[in-house]
Amino acid sequence: MARLAGKVAVVTGGASGIGLATVERFVAEGARVVFCDLEPAVGRALAERLADAGVVDQHIEACSEALFDRTLAVNLRGPWLGIKLAFPLLRARGGGSIVNTSSISALMGMPGQGAYGASKAGVLQLTRVAAMEGAADFIRVNAVCPGGVVTPIIYETPLLDRPMDAAAVTAAMNGAQPLPRAGQPADIADAILWLASDESRFVTGQSIVVDGGLSVEFDSRHRRRASAVAET
């Protein structure tokens, strides 16, 4: 099934994690894919075989201006520039689809994610405004909000002394949301594929949450207690 046959896709942050899964999914669906990444060496290796700024947990008081500015530059200014440059090209082609990557951190008050959460919340508003500005030219703009996903950003974070084991991270994240399994990059890539394809041709300005139910859970303590009882 070639859902993106004849289409050209540009994927930012395409060398690892969700971006890599999206590149592979789009190629499998027939798209011609151009991707870029903040890690050019990793990107070259991927291209031969065929960032996003990351989640930095730091309380507002401890977060430096430099870190805050960099987080917004990558996570918010980056998508803004992408939209700004893409609009004239998509308009000339008679329309198209832009999918931004936000986060459930934009929807929930997570301690330590003042800069990251603010940048991702900005992406949602940018998405809504861009959707309105592009609608007359059949340019659709939507966003995905991933929850906890097993990617190198999680298990290779520079905040740790050494990388964590991916299998151990997956096991720990299996119980982190109501659906009892860890999120995988392919889960997000499938949502992005739908938003990029003609199957979502009447959808614009929306934020699709892909988090196993985490952001709508009232109180995770009830789930954890029930899990503990079941294990005894």
Foldseek 3Di string as FASTA:
>chain_A
DQLQAPAEEEFEQLLWFLNVLLVVVNVVNHYHYHYYEPDVVSVVVVVVVVYLPFQFQAAPVGDDPVNLVVNLCRLAVVVVVVLVVVLVVQLVVQEFEAEHEAACLCVDPDHRRPSNNVSRVNVLVVQLVSQVVCVVSLYAGEYEHEYAEQICSPQVPPVDPGGHDSVVVQCVQLLVAPNRGHHYSNQVSVVVVCRRGCVCSVDHSYYHYHYNHHSVDPDCVVVVVVVVVVVD
